[in-house]
Amino acid sequence: MLATGGLLVSIALLAIALVAPVFRSSNPPQWTTRGWVGEVVTISIVCTLAIGLGYLGAGVIGAVRTGPDYLDLGLLAVVLFVSVVIWRKLRARARPNASAADERLHSQIPGSREGHGAGARAAARGSTGAPAPPHKAA
């Protein structure tokens, strides 16, 4: 049970890591729409995660009652190791794309590199040129 639950949880988490760029993309791939990704994929990921957590909980309860099953613990360790390796490969592949996207975003927004510099003050004034009203503390 522990290995099955760990496998289902790791599948759900890796699926989230694979689908996350689709959510963050300003123009999703042609094979999908935001509604399809948001409803079908998310529901299937959440269901897989819930079933996996249920199996993990049942496995832990069973291990407490009857003692640990070392084959199941070994399989869980293998699943966790493989999941971490896949996770790191996904992050290494996504990191250069994220850096390039950040550079493109900063090049399109004037003054975004300065933070609170002249560009940020101009954006705060809006189109009228008048300074933005101060925010009242509640």
Protein backbone atom coordinates (compact mmCIF):
# COMPACT_ATOMS: atom_id res chain seq x y z
CA MET A 1 0.00 0.00 0.00
CA LEU A 2 2.77 2.45 0.82
CA ALA A 3 4.47 1.95 -2.54
CA THR A 4 1.17 2.29 -4.42
CA GLY A 5 0.30 5.47 -2.55
CA GLY A 6 3.77 6.90 -3.07
CA LEU A 7 3.59 6.10 -6.78
CA LEU A 8 0.20 7.79 -7.17
CA VAL A 9 1.28 10.88 -5.21
CA SER A 10 4.49 11.20 -7.21
CA ILE A 11 2.59 10.80 -10.50
CA ALA A 12 0.21 13.58 -9.44
CA LEU A 13 3.01 15.92 -8.36
CA LEU A 14 5.01 15.30 -11.53
CA ALA A 15 1.87 15.87 -13.61
CA ILE A 16 1.42 19.22 -11.86
CA ALA A 17 5.01 20.08 -12.73
CA LEU A 18 4.39 19.21 -16.37
CA VAL A 19 1.09 21.10 -16.64
CA ALA A 20 2.23 24.22 -14.75
CA PRO A 21 3.90 25.81 -17.82
CA VAL A 22 0.59 25.52 -19.69
CA PHE A 23 -1.12 27.52 -16.95
CA ARG A 24 1.61 30.16 -16.93
CA SER A 25 1.80 30.50 -20.72
CA SER A 26 0.24 33.57 -22.28
CA ASN A 27 -0.68 31.52 -25.34
CA PRO A 28 -1.32 27.84 -24.55
CA PRO A 29 -0.57 25.14 -27.13
CA GLN A 30 -3.13 24.57 -29.87
CA TRP A 31 -4.07 21.11 -28.58
CA THR A 32 -5.61 22.58 -25.44
CA THR A 33 -7.65 25.44 -24.10
CA ARG A 34 -7.47 27.05 -20.67
CA GLY A 35 -10.88 25.61 -19.74
CA TRP A 36 -9.89 22.08 -20.71
CA VAL A 37 -6.64 22.25 -18.80
CA GLY A 38 -8.25 23.91 -15.82
CA GLU A 39 -11.10 21.43 -15.50
CA VAL A 40 -10.20 18.02 -16.85
CA VAL A 41 -6.48 17.90 -16.13
CA THR A 42 -6.72 19.52 -12.72
CA ILE A 43 -9.55 17.26 -11.61
CA SER A 44 -7.68 14.16 -12.74
CA ILE A 45 -4.52 15.31 -10.95
CA VAL A 46 -6.40 16.13 -7.74
CA CYS A 47 -8.19 12.76 -7.82
CA THR A 48 -4.91 10.91 -8.33
CA LEU A 49 -3.33 12.86 -5.48
CA ALA A 50 -6.28 12.15 -3.16
CA ILE A 51 -6.27 8.42 -3.91
CA GLY A 52 -2.49 8.30 -3.46
CA LEU A 53 -2.68 10.07 -0.11
CA GLY A 54 -5.43 7.65 0.93
CA TYR A 55 -3.24 4.68 0.04
CA LEU A 56 -0.31 6.24 1.93
CA GLY A 57 -2.51 6.77 4.99
CA ALA A 58 -3.85 3.21 4.84
CA GLY A 59 -0.30 1.89 4.43
CA VAL A 60 0.91 3.82 7.46
CA ILE A 61 -2.03 2.59 9.55
CA GLY A 62 -1.35 -0.98 8.41
CA ALA A 63 2.36 -0.63 9.19
CA VAL A 64 1.59 0.65 12.69
CA ARG A 65 -0.81 -2.24 13.39
CA THR A 66 1.12 -5.16 11.91
CA GLY A 67 4.68 -3.91 11.67
CA PRO A 68 6.55 -2.55 8.66
CA ASP A 69 6.68 -4.49 5.41
CA TYR A 70 10.27 -4.00 4.25
CA LEU A 71 9.49 -4.81 0.61
CA ASP A 72 6.84 -2.09 0.60
CA LEU A 73 9.23 0.38 2.27
CA GLY A 74 11.95 -0.48 -0.25
CA LEU A 75 9.58 0.06 -3.17
CA LEU A 76 8.49 3.38 -1.64
CA ALA A 77 12.14 4.44 -1.39
CA VAL A 78 12.69 3.53 -5.06
CA VAL A 79 9.58 5.48 -6.09
CA LEU A 80 10.75 8.53 -4.12
CA PHE A 81 14.26 8.33 -5.57
CA VAL A 82 13.01 8.07 -9.15
CA SER A 83 10.53 10.91 -8.55
CA VAL A 84 13.27 13.20 -7.24
CA VAL A 85 15.47 12.41 -10.26
CA ILE A 86 12.60 13.16 -12.67
CA TRP A 87 11.72 16.34 -10.73
CA ARG A 88 15.28 17.63 -10.98
CA LYS A 89 15.41 16.92 -14.71
CA LEU A 90 12.13 18.81 -15.19
CA ARG A 91 13.40 21.80 -13.20
CA ALA A 92 16.71 21.85 -15.08
CA ARG A 93 14.85 21.83 -18.38
CA ALA A 94 12.40 24.56 -17.31
CA ARG A 95 14.99 26.89 -15.76
CA PRO A 96 16.52 28.26 -19.03
CA ASN A 97 13.05 28.84 -20.49
CA ALA A 98 11.97 30.76 -17.39
CA SER A 99 15.08 32.95 -17.53
CA ALA A 100 14.47 33.75 -21.18
CA ALA A 101 10.82 34.57 -20.45
CA ASP A 102 11.86 36.91 -17.62
CA GLU A 103 14.30 38.70 -19.90
CA ARG A 104 11.62 39.14 -22.58
CA LEU A 105 9.16 40.45 -19.98
CA HIS A 106 11.66 42.97 -18.57
CA SER A 107 12.55 44.17 -22.06
CA GLN A 108 8.87 44.88 -22.82
CA ILE A 109 8.09 46.77 -19.60
CA PRO A 110 9.95 50.08 -19.37
CA GLY A 111 11.55 50.69 -16.00
CA SER A 112 10.94 47.17 -14.67
CA ARG A 113 14.63 46.68 -13.89
CA GLU A 114 14.78 49.81 -11.73
CA GLY A 115 12.04 48.67 -9.35
CA HIS A 116 10.82 51.95 -7.83
CA GLY A 117 12.65 54.15 -10.32
CA ALA A 118 11.31 56.60 -12.86
CA GLY A 119 9.50 53.95 -14.88
CA ALA A 120 7.65 52.62 -11.85
CA ARG A 121 6.66 56.15 -10.81
CA ALA A 122 5.39 56.87 -14.32
CA ALA A 123 3.36 53.69 -14.32
CA ALA A 124 1.90 54.57 -10.90
CA ARG A 125 0.70 57.96 -12.19
CA GLY A 126 -1.34 56.27 -14.91
CA SER A 127 -2.50 57.92 -18.09
CA THR A 128 -3.51 61.27 -16.51
CA GLY A 129 -0.03 62.14 -15.35
CA ALA A 130 -1.28 62.92 -11.83
CA PRO A 131 0.36 61.09 -8.94
CA ALA A 132 -1.47 58.07 -7.58
CA PRO A 133 -3.46 58.70 -4.39
CA PRO A 134 -1.88 57.33 -1.21
CA HIS A 135 -3.31 54.10 0.20
CA LYS A 136 -5.02 54.38 3.57
CA ALA A 137 -4.05 51.85 6.20
CA ALA A 138 -7.00 49.96 7.60
